[in-house]
C-alpha atoms as a PDB file:
ATOM      1  CA  MET A   1      21.451-114.073  62.748  1.00  0.00           C
ATOM      2  CA  SER A   2      19.475-116.794  65.193  1.00  0.00           C
ATOM      3  CA  ASN A   3      17.472-114.402  67.895  1.00  0.00           C
ATOM      4  CA  PRO A   4      20.043-115.039  71.680  1.00  0.00           C
ATOM      5  CA  GLY A   5      16.877-115.625  73.438  1.00  0.00           C
ATOM      6  CA  THR A   6      15.309-117.643  70.998  1.00  0.00           C
ATOM      7  CA  THR A   7      18.615-120.044  71.622  1.00  0.00           C
ATOM      8  CA  SER A   8      17.714-119.173  75.838  1.00  0.00           C
ATOM      9  CA  SER A   9      14.700-120.461  75.131  1.00  0.00           C
ATOM     10  CA  THR A  10      15.685-123.349  73.415  1.00  0.00           C
ATOM     11  CA  GLY A  11      18.471-123.829  75.194  1.00  0.00           C
ATOM     12  CA  GLY A  12      16.771-124.294  78.578  1.00  0.00           C
ATOM     13  CA  ASN A  13      13.713-126.251  77.023  1.00  0.00           C
ATOM     14  CA  ARG A  14      15.579-128.311  76.236  1.00  0.00           C
ATOM     15  CA  MET A  15      17.103-129.130  79.643  1.00  0.00           C
ATOM     16  CA  GLU A  16      14.413-128.371  81.457  1.00  0.00           C
ATOM     17  CA  THR A  17      13.067-132.030  78.981  1.00  0.00           C
ATOM     18  CA  LYS A  18      16.262-133.643  80.249  1.00  0.00           C
ATOM     19  CA  LYS A  19      16.228-133.248  83.690  1.00  0.00           C
ATOM     20  CA  ALA A  20      12.422-134.342  83.275  1.00  0.00           C
ATOM     21  CA  SER A  21      13.908-137.745  82.096  1.00  0.00           C
ATOM     22  CA  ALA A  22      16.440-138.466  84.315  1.00  0.00           C
ATOM     23  CA  THR A  23      13.381-137.788  87.601  1.00  0.00           C
ATOM     24  CA  SER A  24      11.296-139.669  85.259  1.00  0.00           C
ATOM     25  CA  ARG A  25      14.049-142.689  85.466  1.00  0.00           C
ATOM     26  CA  MET A  26      14.932-142.536  88.744  1.00  0.00           C
ATOM     27  CA  LYS A  27      11.369-142.551  89.596  1.00  0.00           C
ATOM     28  CA  LEU A  28      11.443-146.025  87.298  1.00  0.00           C
ATOM     29  CA  GLN A  29      14.121-147.434  89.029  1.00  0.00           C
ATOM     30  CA  ALA A  30      13.146-146.903  92.741  1.00  0.00           C
ATOM     31  CA  GLY A  31       9.890-148.845  91.436  1.00  0.00           C
ATOM     32  CA  ALA A  32      11.280-151.803  90.371  1.00  0.00           C
ATOM     33  CA  MET A  33      13.601-152.230  93.153  1.00  0.00           C
ATOM     34  CA  GLN A  34      11.205-150.948  95.893  1.00  0.00           C
ATOM     35  CA  LYS A  35       9.332-154.582  93.756  1.00  0.00           C
ATOM     36  CA  LEU A  36      11.905-156.404  94.242  1.00  0.00           C
ATOM     37  CA  LEU A  37      12.947-155.853  97.572  1.00  0.00           C
ATOM     38  CA  ALA A  38       9.328-156.736  97.760  1.00  0.00           C
ATOM     39  CA  PHE A  39       9.513-159.899  96.370  1.00  0.00           C
ATOM     40  CA  GLY A  40      12.552-161.126  98.419  1.00  0.00           C
ATOM     41  CA  GLY A  41      10.796-159.880 101.816  1.00  0.00           C
ATOM     42  CA  LEU A  42       8.118-162.509 100.473  1.00  0.00           C
ATOM     43  CA  ILE A  43      10.065-164.880  99.618  1.00  0.00           C
ATOM     44  CA  PHE A  44      11.938-164.708 102.777  1.00  0.00           C
ATOM     45  CA  LEU A  45       8.626-165.050 104.941  1.00  0.00           C
ATOM     46  CA  ILE A  46       7.393-168.128 103.052  1.00  0.00           C
ATOM     47  CA  ILE A  47      10.812-169.342 103.926  1.00  0.00           C
ATOM     48  CA  ILE A  48      11.329-168.283 107.555  1.00  0.00           C
ATOM     49  CA  PHE A  49       7.421-169.972 108.540  1.00  0.00           C
ATOM     50  CA  SER A  50       7.829-173.401 106.095  1.00  0.00           C
ATOM     51  CA  ILE A  51      10.989-173.722 109.011  1.00  0.00           C
ATOM     52  CA  LEU A  52       8.819-172.417 111.272  1.00  0.00           C
ATOM     53  CA  SER A  53       6.085-174.482 110.961  1.00  0.00           C
ATOM     54  CA  PRO A  54       6.059-178.021 109.463  1.00  0.00           C
ATOM     55  CA  ASN A  55       2.035-177.247 108.184  1.00  0.00           C
ATOM     56  CA  PHE A  56       2.930-173.991 106.800  1.00  0.00           C
ATOM     57  CA  PHE A  57       3.272-175.169 103.427  1.00  0.00           C
ATOM     58  CA  ARG A  58       1.032-178.158 103.313  1.00  0.00           C
ATOM     59  CA  PHE A  59      -1.074-177.685 100.219  1.00  0.00           C
ATOM     60  CA  ASN A  60      -4.388-176.823 102.652  1.00  0.00           C
ATOM     61  CA  ASN A  61      -2.439-174.110 103.728  1.00  0.00           C
ATOM     62  CA  ILE A  62      -1.322-172.638 100.096  1.00  0.00           C
ATOM     63  CA  VAL A  63      -4.460-172.136  98.883  1.00  0.00           C
ATOM     64  CA  SER A  64      -5.799-170.658 102.016  1.00  0.00           C
ATOM     65  CA  ILE A  65      -3.112-168.228 101.565  1.00  0.00           C
ATOM     66  CA  ILE A  66      -4.238-167.794  97.753  1.00  0.00           C
ATOM     67  CA  LEU A  67      -8.168-167.245  98.612  1.00  0.00           C
ATOM     68  CA  ALA A  68      -6.989-164.934 101.555  1.00  0.00           C
ATOM     69  CA  THR A  69      -5.347-163.362  98.934  1.00  0.00           C
ATOM     70  CA  CYS A  70      -7.821-162.913  96.214  1.00  0.00           C
ATOM     71  CA  VAL A  71     -10.626-160.991  98.589  1.00  0.00           C
ATOM     72  CA  ASN A  72      -7.622-158.539 100.073  1.00  0.00           C
ATOM     73  CA  GLY A  73      -5.728-158.071  96.147  1.00  0.00           C
ATOM     74  CA  VAL A  74      -8.366-156.757  94.364  1.00  0.00           C
ATOM     75  CA  LEU A  75      -9.573-154.516  97.831  1.00  0.00           C
ATOM     76  CA  ALA A  76      -5.736-152.950  97.580  1.00  0.00           C
ATOM     77  CA  PHE A  77      -5.538-152.568  93.704  1.00  0.00           C
ATOM     78  CA  GLY A  78      -8.490-150.012  94.222  1.00  0.00           C
ATOM     79  CA  VAL A  79      -7.130-148.719  97.274  1.00  0.00           C
ATOM     80  CA  THR A  80      -3.974-148.319  95.009  1.00  0.00           C
ATOM     81  CA  PHE A  81      -5.555-145.953  92.649  1.00  0.00           C
ATOM     82  CA  VAL A  82      -6.946-143.569  95.385  1.00  0.00           C
ATOM     83  CA  ILE A  83      -3.302-143.594  97.071  1.00  0.00           C
ATOM     84  CA  ILE A  84      -1.524-142.588  93.549  1.00  0.00           C
ATOM     85  CA  THR A  85      -3.461-138.749  94.224  1.00  0.00           C
ATOM     86  CA  SER A  86      -2.599-138.417  97.761  1.00  0.00           C
ATOM     87  CA  GLY A  87      -6.022-139.615  98.452  1.00  0.00           C
ATOM     88  CA  ILE A  88      -6.630-142.449 101.238  1.00  0.00           C
ATOM     89  CA  ASP A  89      -9.999-144.526 101.405  1.00  0.00           C
ATOM     90  CA  LEU A  90     -10.978-146.068 105.400  1.00  0.00           C
ATOM     91  CA  SER A  91     -13.593-147.429 104.257  1.00  0.00           C
ATOM     92  CA  VAL A  92     -13.303-150.365 101.725  1.00  0.00           C
ATOM     93  CA  GLY A  93     -13.317-152.759 104.373  1.00  0.00           C
ATOM     94  CA  THR A  94     -16.221-151.433 105.387  1.00  0.00           C
ATOM     95  CA  THR A  95     -17.871-151.082 101.272  1.00  0.00           C
ATOM     96  CA  MET A  96     -16.829-154.745 101.550  1.00  0.00           C
ATOM     97  CA  THR A  97     -19.093-155.953 103.825  1.00  0.00           C
ATOM     98  CA  LEU A  98     -21.800-153.906 102.609  1.00  0.00           C
ATOM     99  CA  SER A  99     -21.992-155.247  99.354  1.00  0.00           C
ATOM    100  CA  ALA A 100     -21.607-158.523 100.335  1.00  0.00           C
ATOM    101  CA  VAL A 101     -24.963-157.727 102.989  1.00  0.00           C
ATOM    102  CA  MET A 102     -26.643-156.449  99.976  1.00  0.00           C
ATOM    103  CA  ALA A 103     -25.471-159.187  97.463  1.00  0.00           C
ATOM    104  CA  GLY A 104     -27.130-161.248 100.607  1.00  0.00           C
ATOM    105  CA  VAL A 105     -30.199-159.692 100.375  1.00  0.00           C
ATOM    106  CA  PHE A 106     -30.512-159.494  96.730  1.00  0.00           C
ATOM    107  CA  ILE A 107     -30.738-163.281  96.297  1.00  0.00           C
ATOM    108  CA  THR A 108     -31.825-164.680  99.517  1.00  0.00           C
ATOM    109  CA  ASN A 109     -33.924-162.502 101.072  1.00  0.00           C
ATOM    110  CA  ALA A 110     -35.374-161.388  97.806  1.00  0.00           C
ATOM    111  CA  GLY A 111     -35.525-164.498  95.878  1.00  0.00           C
ATOM    112  CA  LEU A 112     -33.789-162.994  92.999  1.00  0.00           C
ATOM    113  CA  PRO A 113     -31.268-164.893  90.457  1.00  0.00           C
ATOM    114  CA  VAL A 114     -27.712-164.637  90.957  1.00  0.00           C
ATOM    115  CA  TRP A 115     -25.781-162.318  88.560  1.00  0.00           C
ATOM    116  CA  VAL A 116     -28.615-159.934  89.748  1.00  0.00           C
ATOM    117  CA  GLY A 117     -27.325-159.920  93.148  1.00  0.00           C
ATOM    118  CA  VAL A 118     -23.792-160.162  92.065  1.00  0.00           C
ATOM    119  CA  ILE A 119     -24.068-156.509  90.080  1.00  0.00           C
ATOM    120  CA  GLY A 120     -26.399-155.344  92.614  1.00  0.00           C
ATOM    121  CA  GLY A 121     -23.327-155.929  95.724  1.00  0.00           C
ATOM    122  CA  ILE A 122     -21.039-154.154  92.982  1.00  0.00           C
ATOM    123  CA  LEU A 123     -23.236-151.212  92.638  1.00  0.00           C
ATOM    124  CA  THR A 124     -22.939-151.010  95.533  1.00  0.00           C
ATOM    125  CA  GLY A 125     -19.801-150.221  96.362  1.00  0.00           C
ATOM    126  CA  SER A 126     -19.934-148.406  93.868  1.00  0.00           C
ATOM    127  CA  ALA A 127     -21.912-146.080  94.569  1.00  0.00           C
ATOM    128  CA  ILE A 128     -20.761-145.501  98.135  1.00  0.00           C
ATOM    129  CA  GLY A 129     -17.174-145.157  95.832  1.00  0.00           C
ATOM    130  CA  VAL A 130     -18.759-141.925  94.432  1.00  0.00           C
ATOM    131  CA  VAL A 131     -20.280-140.427  97.202  1.00  0.00           C
ATOM    132  CA  ASN A 132     -16.668-141.196  98.883  1.00  0.00           C
ATOM    133  CA  GLY A 133     -15.324-138.059  95.834  1.00  0.00           C
ATOM    134  CA  PHE A 134     -18.287-136.581  95.978  1.00  0.00           C
ATOM    135  CA  MET A 135     -17.214-135.051  99.856  1.00  0.00           C
ATOM    136  CA  ILE A 136     -13.737-134.642  98.283  1.00  0.00           C
ATOM    137  CA  SER A 137     -13.907-133.463  95.541  1.00  0.00           C
ATOM    138  CA  ARG A 138     -16.937-131.075  95.657  1.00  0.00           C
ATOM    139  CA  MET A 139     -16.859-130.597  99.436  1.00  0.00           C
ATOM    140  CA  LYS A 140     -13.740-130.277  99.381  1.00  0.00           C
ATOM    141  CA  LEU A 141     -13.196-132.526 102.894  1.00  0.00           C
ATOM    142  CA  PRO A 142     -10.286-134.048 103.601  1.00  0.00           C
ATOM    143  CA  PRO A 143      -9.874-137.995 102.276  1.00  0.00           C
ATOM    144  CA  PHE A 144      -9.391-138.780 106.079  1.00  0.00           C
ATOM    145  CA  ILE A 145     -12.489-137.776 107.064  1.00  0.00           C
ATOM    146  CA  ALA A 146     -15.092-138.082 104.393  1.00  0.00           C
ATOM    147  CA  THR A 147     -14.204-142.146 104.221  1.00  0.00           C
ATOM    148  CA  LEU A 148     -13.251-141.894 108.014  1.00  0.00           C
ATOM    149  CA  GLY A 149     -17.664-140.600 108.857  1.00  0.00           C
ATOM    150  CA  MET A 150     -18.530-143.479 104.899  1.00  0.00           C
ATOM    151  CA  MET A 151     -16.573-146.199 107.234  1.00  0.00           C
ATOM    152  CA  MET A 152     -18.826-145.695 109.785  1.00  0.00           C
ATOM    153  CA  ALA A 153     -22.192-145.215 108.430  1.00  0.00           C
ATOM    154  CA  THR A 154     -21.561-148.479 106.027  1.00  0.00           C
ATOM    155  CA  LYS A 155     -20.512-150.302 109.146  1.00  0.00           C
ATOM    156  CA  GLY A 156     -24.022-149.373 110.763  1.00  0.00           C
ATOM    157  CA  LEU A 157     -25.639-149.946 107.648  1.00  0.00           C
ATOM    158  CA  SER A 158     -24.596-153.383 107.926  1.00  0.00           C
ATOM    159  CA  LEU A 159     -25.567-154.010 111.502  1.00  0.00           C
ATOM    160  CA  VAL A 160     -29.240-152.616 109.977  1.00  0.00           C
ATOM    161  CA  ILE A 161     -29.984-154.284 106.726  1.00  0.00           C
ATOM    162  CA  SER A 162     -28.279-158.135 107.233  1.00  0.00           C
ATOM    163  CA  GLY A 163     -30.593-157.588 111.107  1.00  0.00           C
ATOM    164  CA  THR A 164     -27.021-157.900 112.596  1.00  0.00           C
ATOM    165  CA  LYS A 165     -27.259-160.960 111.686  1.00  0.00           C
ATOM    166  CA  PRO A 166     -25.379-163.511 108.657  1.00  0.00           C
ATOM    167  CA  ILE A 167     -27.863-163.707 105.360  1.00  0.00           C
ATOM    168  CA  TYR A 168     -26.799-167.588 104.829  1.00  0.00           C
ATOM    169  CA  PHE A 169     -26.883-168.257 100.446  1.00  0.00           C
ATOM    170  CA  GLU A 170     -28.292-171.079 100.394  1.00  0.00           C
ATOM    171  CA  THR A 171     -26.289-174.334  98.208  1.00  0.00           C
ATOM    172  CA  GLU A 172     -28.301-175.218  95.463  1.00  0.00           C
ATOM    173  CA  ASN A 173     -27.909-171.477  93.454  1.00  0.00           C
ATOM    174  CA  GLY A 174     -24.525-172.298  93.452  1.00  0.00           C
ATOM    175  CA  PHE A 175     -23.358-168.744  94.777  1.00  0.00           C
ATOM    176  CA  SER A 176     -20.124-169.998  96.040  1.00  0.00           C
ATOM    177  CA  ASN A 177     -19.340-171.392  93.134  1.00  0.00           C
ATOM    178  CA  ILE A 178     -18.044-167.691  92.125  1.00  0.00           C
ATOM    179  CA  ALA A 179     -14.702-168.871  94.709  1.00  0.00           C
ATOM    180  CA  MET A 180     -14.269-171.680  95.403  1.00  0.00           C
ATOM    181  CA  GLY A 181     -15.277-173.495  91.898  1.00  0.00           C
ATOM    182  CA  SER A 182     -13.640-174.141  89.296  1.00  0.00           C
ATOM    183  CA  LEU A 183     -14.016-173.301  86.397  1.00  0.00           C
ATOM    184  CA  LEU A 184     -11.437-174.296  84.480  1.00  0.00           C
ATOM    185  CA  ASN A 185     -11.416-178.014  86.097  1.00  0.00           C
ATOM    186  CA  ASP A 186     -14.325-178.401  83.487  1.00  0.00           C
ATOM    187  CA  ILE A 187     -12.022-177.183  80.780  1.00  0.00           C
ATOM    188  CA  ILE A 188      -9.184-179.070  81.738  1.00  0.00           C
ATOM    189  CA  PRO A 189     -10.047-182.238  84.265  1.00  0.00           C
ATOM    190  CA  GLY A 190      -7.341-181.952  86.830  1.00  0.00           C
ATOM    191  CA  PHE A 191      -6.737-178.480  86.950  1.00  0.00           C
ATOM    192  CA  THR A 192      -8.538-177.389  90.508  1.00  0.00           C
ATOM    193  CA  ILE A 193      -7.239-173.967  90.046  1.00  0.00           C
ATOM    194  CA  PRO A 194     -10.615-171.795  92.426  1.00  0.00           C
ATOM    195  CA  ASN A 195     -12.249-169.051  90.611  1.00  0.00           C
ATOM    196  CA  ALA A 196     -11.444-166.417  92.740  1.00  0.00           C
ATOM    197  CA  VAL A 197      -7.979-166.228  91.624  1.00  0.00           C
ATOM    198  CA  ILE A 198      -9.168-166.139  88.076  1.00  0.00           C
ATOM    199  CA  VAL A 199     -12.064-162.727  89.103  1.00  0.00           C
ATOM    200  CA  LEU A 200      -7.878-162.179  90.812  1.00  0.00           C
ATOM    201  CA  ILE A 201      -6.145-162.625  87.756  1.00  0.00           C
ATOM    202  CA  ILE A 202      -8.587-160.365  85.794  1.00  0.00           C
ATOM    203  CA  ALA A 203      -8.841-157.876  87.925  1.00  0.00           C
ATOM    204  CA  ALA A 204      -5.137-157.304  87.762  1.00  0.00           C
ATOM    205  CA  ILE A 205      -5.227-157.256  83.982  1.00  0.00           C
ATOM    206  CA  ILE A 206      -7.534-154.680  84.255  1.00  0.00           C
ATOM    207  CA  ALA A 207      -6.925-152.125  87.195  1.00  0.00           C
ATOM    208  CA  ALA A 208      -3.106-151.843  85.239  1.00  0.00           C
ATOM    209  CA  LEU A 209      -4.555-151.819  81.999  1.00  0.00           C
ATOM    210  CA  VAL A 210      -6.420-148.447  82.851  1.00  0.00           C
ATOM    211  CA  LEU A 211      -3.131-147.358  85.320  1.00  0.00           C
ATOM    212  CA  SER A 212      -0.875-147.924  82.283  1.00  0.00           C
ATOM    213  CA  LYS A 213      -2.881-147.040  78.503  1.00  0.00           C
ATOM    214  CA  THR A 214      -6.007-145.008  79.346  1.00  0.00           C
ATOM    215  CA  ILE A 215      -6.532-140.764  80.421  1.00  0.00           C
ATOM    216  CA  LEU A 216      -7.986-142.470  83.550  1.00  0.00           C
ATOM    217  CA  GLY A 217      -4.880-143.796  84.830  1.00  0.00           C
ATOM    218  CA  ARG A 218      -3.075-140.202  83.262  1.00  0.00           C
ATOM    219  CA  TYR A 219      -4.689-138.161  85.638  1.00  0.00           C
ATOM    220  CA  THR A 220      -4.275-140.271  88.301  1.00  0.00           C
ATOM    221  CA  PHE A 221      -0.604-140.273  88.277  1.00  0.00           C
ATOM    222  CA  ALA A 222      -0.796-136.630  87.288  1.00  0.00           C
ATOM    223  CA  LEU A 223      -3.275-135.639  90.152  1.00  0.00           C
ATOM    224  CA  GLY A 224      -0.953-136.989  92.538  1.00  0.00           C
ATOM    225  CA  SER A 225       2.342-135.466  91.503  1.00  0.00           C
ATOM    226  CA  ASN A 226       0.511-132.462  91.466  1.00  0.00           C
ATOM    227  CA  GLU A 227      -3.134-131.820  91.848  1.00  0.00           C
ATOM    228  CA  GLU A 228      -2.978-127.587  91.043  1.00  0.00           C
ATOM    229  CA  ALA A 229      -0.298-127.751  87.569  1.00  0.00           C
ATOM    230  CA  THR A 230      -2.733-130.294  86.180  1.00  0.00           C
ATOM    231  CA  ARG A 231      -6.340-128.527  87.382  1.00  0.00           C
ATOM    232  CA  LEU A 232      -4.418-125.163  85.652  1.00  0.00           C
ATOM    233  CA  SER A 233      -3.918-127.379  82.832  1.00  0.00           C
ATOM    234  CA  GLY A 234      -7.270-127.048  81.986  1.00  0.00           C
ATOM    235  CA  VAL A 235      -8.321-130.830  83.233  1.00  0.00           C
ATOM    236  CA  ASN A 236     -11.931-131.103  85.772  1.00  0.00           C
ATOM    237  CA  THR A 237      -9.835-132.891  88.275  1.00  0.00           C
ATOM    238  CA  ALA A 238     -12.833-133.213  90.703  1.00  0.00           C
ATOM    239  CA  ASN A 239     -14.722-135.316  88.394  1.00  0.00           C
ATOM    240  CA  TRP A 240     -11.552-137.376  87.516  1.00  0.00           C
ATOM    241  CA  LYS A 241     -11.271-137.630  91.573  1.00  0.00           C
ATOM    242  CA  MET A 242     -14.770-138.312  92.310  1.00  0.00           C
ATOM    243  CA  ILE A 243     -13.802-141.561  89.109  1.00  0.00           C
ATOM    244  CA  VAL A 244     -11.171-142.388  90.867  1.00  0.00           C
ATOM    245  CA  TYR A 245     -13.182-143.515  94.096  1.00  0.00           C
ATOM    246  CA  THR A 246     -15.689-144.832  92.404  1.00  0.00           C
ATOM    247  CA  VAL A 247     -13.143-147.327  90.246  1.00  0.00           C
ATOM    248  CA  CYS A 248     -11.874-148.145  94.388  1.00  0.00           C
ATOM    249  CA  GLY A 249     -15.515-148.666  96.049  1.00  0.00           C
ATOM    250  CA  THR A 250     -16.037-151.040  92.579  1.00  0.00           C
ATOM    251  CA  PHE A 251     -13.069-152.436  93.872  1.00  0.00           C
ATOM    252  CA  ALA A 252     -14.519-152.597  96.921  1.00  0.00           C
ATOM    253  CA  GLY A 253     -17.659-154.233  95.784  1.00  0.00           C
ATOM    254  CA  VAL A 254     -16.245-157.001  93.944  1.00  0.00           C
ATOM    255  CA  ALA A 255     -14.419-158.353  96.509  1.00  0.00           C
ATOM    256  CA  GLY A 256     -17.280-157.821  98.952  1.00  0.00           C
ATOM    257  CA  VAL A 257     -19.082-159.987  96.224  1.00  0.00           C
ATOM    258  CA  LEU A 258     -15.326-162.535  96.855  1.00  0.00           C
ATOM    259  CA  MET A 259     -15.687-163.009  99.853  1.00  0.00           C
ATOM    260  CA  ALA A 260     -19.637-163.557 100.445  1.00  0.00           C
ATOM    261  CA  SER A 261     -19.429-165.832  97.935  1.00  0.00           C
ATOM    262  CA  ARG A 262     -15.849-167.727  98.934  1.00  0.00           C
ATOM    263  CA  LEU A 263     -17.530-167.743 103.203  1.00  0.00           C
ATOM    264  CA  ASN A 264     -21.287-169.157 101.779  1.00  0.00           C
ATOM    265  CA  SER A 265     -22.615-165.896 103.986  1.00  0.00           C
ATOM    266  CA  ALA A 266     -22.534-162.925 104.105  1.00  0.00           C
ATOM    267  CA  GLN A 267     -21.575-161.748 107.397  1.00  0.00           C
ATOM    268  CA  PRO A 268     -22.627-157.703 108.818  1.00  0.00           C
ATOM    269  CA  ALA A 269     -19.200-157.512 111.738  1.00  0.00           C
ATOM    270  CA  LEU A 270     -16.610-158.491 109.211  1.00  0.00           C
ATOM    271  CA  GLY A 271     -14.640-156.128 107.249  1.00  0.00           C
ATOM    272  CA  ALA A 272     -13.862-153.560 109.794  1.00  0.00           C
ATOM    273  CA  GLY A 273      -9.461-153.748 109.582  1.00  0.00           C
ATOM    274  CA  TYR A 274      -9.742-155.025 105.644  1.00  0.00           C
ATOM    275  CA  GLU A 275      -9.350-150.911 105.088  1.00  0.00           C
ATOM    276  CA  MET A 276      -5.021-151.714 106.997  1.00  0.00           C
ATOM    277  CA  ASP A 277      -5.216-154.710 105.163  1.00  0.00           C
ATOM    278  CA  ALA A 278      -5.121-153.444 101.298  1.00  0.00           C
ATOM    279  CA  ILE A 279      -3.353-150.089 102.428  1.00  0.00           C
ATOM    280  CA  ALA A 280      -0.478-151.579 103.679  1.00  0.00           C
ATOM    281  CA  ALA A 281      -0.286-154.333 100.266  1.00  0.00           C
ATOM    282  CA  SER A 282      -0.254-151.105  98.094  1.00  0.00           C
ATOM    283  CA  VAL A 283       2.212-149.562 100.176  1.00  0.00           C
ATOM    284  CA  ILE A 284       4.286-152.364 101.179  1.00  0.00           C
ATOM    285  CA  GLY A 285       4.464-152.652  97.257  1.00  0.00           C
ATOM    286  CA  GLY A 286       5.955-149.545  95.977  1.00  0.00           C
ATOM    287  CA  ALA A 287       2.287-146.972  96.020  1.00  0.00           C
ATOM    288  CA  SER A 288       3.455-143.519  97.743  1.00  0.00           C
ATOM    289  CA  LEU A 289       1.261-141.926 100.284  1.00  0.00           C
ATOM    290  CA  ALA A 290       2.342-138.538  98.589  1.00  0.00           C
ATOM    291  CA  GLY A 291       1.022-139.446  95.545  1.00  0.00           C
ATOM    292  CA  GLY A 292       2.369-139.897  92.376  1.00  0.00           C
ATOM    293  CA  GLU A 293       3.474-142.968  92.624  1.00  0.00           C
ATOM    294  CA  GLY A 294       2.691-147.084  92.332  1.00  0.00           C
ATOM    295  CA  GLY A 295       1.346-150.253  90.452  1.00  0.00           C
ATOM    296  CA  ILE A 296      -1.132-152.968  90.862  1.00  0.00           C
ATOM    297  CA  VAL A 297       2.360-155.638  90.591  1.00  0.00           C
ATOM    298  CA  GLY A 298       3.688-154.178  93.363  1.00  0.00           C
ATOM    299  CA  THR A 299       0.587-153.972  95.103  1.00  0.00           C
ATOM    300  CA  ILE A 300      -0.022-157.422  94.174  1.00  0.00           C
ATOM    301  CA  ILE A 301       2.953-158.144  95.812  1.00  0.00           C
ATOM    302  CA  GLY A 302       2.171-156.410  99.749  1.00  0.00           C
ATOM    303  CA  ALA A 303      -1.485-158.475  99.152  1.00  0.00           C
ATOM    304  CA  PHE A 304       0.722-162.061  99.706  1.00  0.00           C
ATOM    305  CA  ILE A 305       2.804-160.340 101.868  1.00  0.00           C
ATOM    306  CA  ILE A 306      -0.466-160.122 104.257  1.00  0.00           C
ATOM    307  CA  SER A 307      -1.684-162.722 103.712  1.00  0.00           C
ATOM    308  CA  THR A 308       1.349-165.211 103.949  1.00  0.00           C
ATOM    309  CA  LEU A 309       2.324-162.640 107.381  1.00  0.00           C
ATOM    310  CA  THR A 310      -1.386-163.299 108.914  1.00  0.00           C
ATOM    311  CA  ASN A 311      -1.333-166.937 107.911  1.00  0.00           C
ATOM    312  CA  GLY A 312       2.371-168.269 109.217  1.00  0.00           C
ATOM    313  CA  LEU A 313       1.402-165.831 112.793  1.00  0.00           C
ATOM    314  CA  ARG A 314      -1.072-167.655 112.469  1.00  0.00           C
ATOM    315  CA  ILE A 315      -0.607-171.269 111.925  1.00  0.00           C
ATOM    316  CA  MET A 316       2.686-170.940 115.048  1.00  0.00           C
ATOM    317  CA  SER A 317      -0.768-169.816 117.383  1.00  0.00           C
ATOM    318  CA  VAL A 318      -0.126-166.139 117.382  1.00  0.00           C
ATOM    319  CA  PRO A 319      -3.034-164.812 119.787  1.00  0.00           C
ATOM    320  CA  GLN A 320      -4.471-162.130 116.880  1.00  0.00           C
ATOM    321  CA  GLU A 321      -4.300-159.556 119.090  1.00  0.00           C
ATOM    322  CA  TRP A 322      -0.378-159.669 118.387  1.00  0.00           C
ATOM    323  CA  GLN A 323      -1.331-160.552 115.111  1.00  0.00           C
ATOM    324  CA  THR A 324      -2.411-157.334 114.754  1.00  0.00           C
ATOM    325  CA  VAL A 325       1.008-155.116 116.510  1.00  0.00           C
ATOM    326  CA  VAL A 326       2.693-156.813 113.797  1.00  0.00           C
ATOM    327  CA  THR A 327       0.283-155.454 110.578  1.00  0.00           C
ATOM    328  CA  GLY A 328       0.700-152.591 112.497  1.00  0.00           C
ATOM    329  CA  LEU A 329       4.665-152.426 112.445  1.00  0.00           C
ATOM    330  CA  ILE A 330       4.224-153.605 108.764  1.00  0.00           C
ATOM    331  CA  VAL A 331       2.280-150.690 108.017  1.00  0.00           C
ATOM    332  CA  VAL A 332       4.494-147.606 109.747  1.00  0.00           C
ATOM    333  CA  LEU A 333       7.498-150.058 108.293  1.00  0.00           C
ATOM    334  CA  ALA A 334       5.928-149.256 104.748  1.00  0.00           C
ATOM    335  CA  VAL A 335       5.314-145.971 105.367  1.00  0.00           C
ATOM    336  CA  TYR A 336       9.320-145.162 106.562  1.00  0.00           C
ATOM    337  CA  SER A 337      10.608-146.207 104.061  1.00  0.00           C
ATOM    338  CA  ASP A 338       9.063-145.204 101.189  1.00  0.00           C
ATOM    339  CA  MET A 339       9.257-141.759 103.023  1.00  0.00           C
ATOM    340  CA  ALA A 340      13.070-142.337 103.288  1.00  0.00           C
ATOM    341  CA  ARG A 341      13.225-142.831  99.588  1.00  0.00           C
ATOM    342  CA  LYS A 342      11.865-140.094  98.477  1.00  0.00           C
ATOM    343  CA  ARG A 343      13.913-137.665 101.083  1.00  0.00           C
ATOM    344  CA  LYS A 344      16.786-139.706  99.455  1.00  0.00           C
END
């Protein structure tokens, strides 16, 4: 004769499993809908700006949008990891700047090989990510406060180290080819896709694989869904949170190298404001500020939306200050949309 308690327990477990499965399906459907809406918004912007300005759909302008997306997209990949954990990183823009400055210091000032400067710039971003992660996970500072302080610190360090002056790279050393060269043109003549696009694609593949196929990705979502439950299940949440912020800093370092290569110089005053574009790209693409949701494909779409919007407003001669207003409104609308979707 079966035990009624056991039967009841089994039935309860099945019910919980069905509820969890249904919730998972709903999240997947909502995420797919968010990506679809974002892609539709991108197409809408392209059509509107093409109608309003004949210069928008010219080849050179399209290339400019793609190059801007490469930098903002790589930056947003790292931010996506952090947002999925329900955190925030306000320092990614100035981390990108400091990484570019350090690459310039290594290559131009110290005369080291280009590859050393590239690695040095990326590791600079990683180191800043480690510090952010330590302050948040070990010192228990709120992510907003910790990364706000780091934003100010890295902004000041960029100006101090560079002497408030841009650091220019020599044309002969080939540093500009990292972003502006075309490796594919050497393989397939006439196929002139900038290397920055290849870097964006590789970074997107790596980020997507890490989020979907590795233990880091699983714990990233777990931290955002329920950090306390994750900790009680035996996971060292502090260590994994440090790793997540280190990943974010590493992507910022890569973005810094790309930016410096695109401009063929390290501009110490550049970078402030990029964090808002990166956060907006991530949120527009479906990452929830409440944590537990997000993806790289959506982030790429969001990055293209931000780059297209900024470029289109510039083509239409909209003043810079109004461009900032529009970007801010986009962030607010994206967050409100996410909150409304959560309530529903």
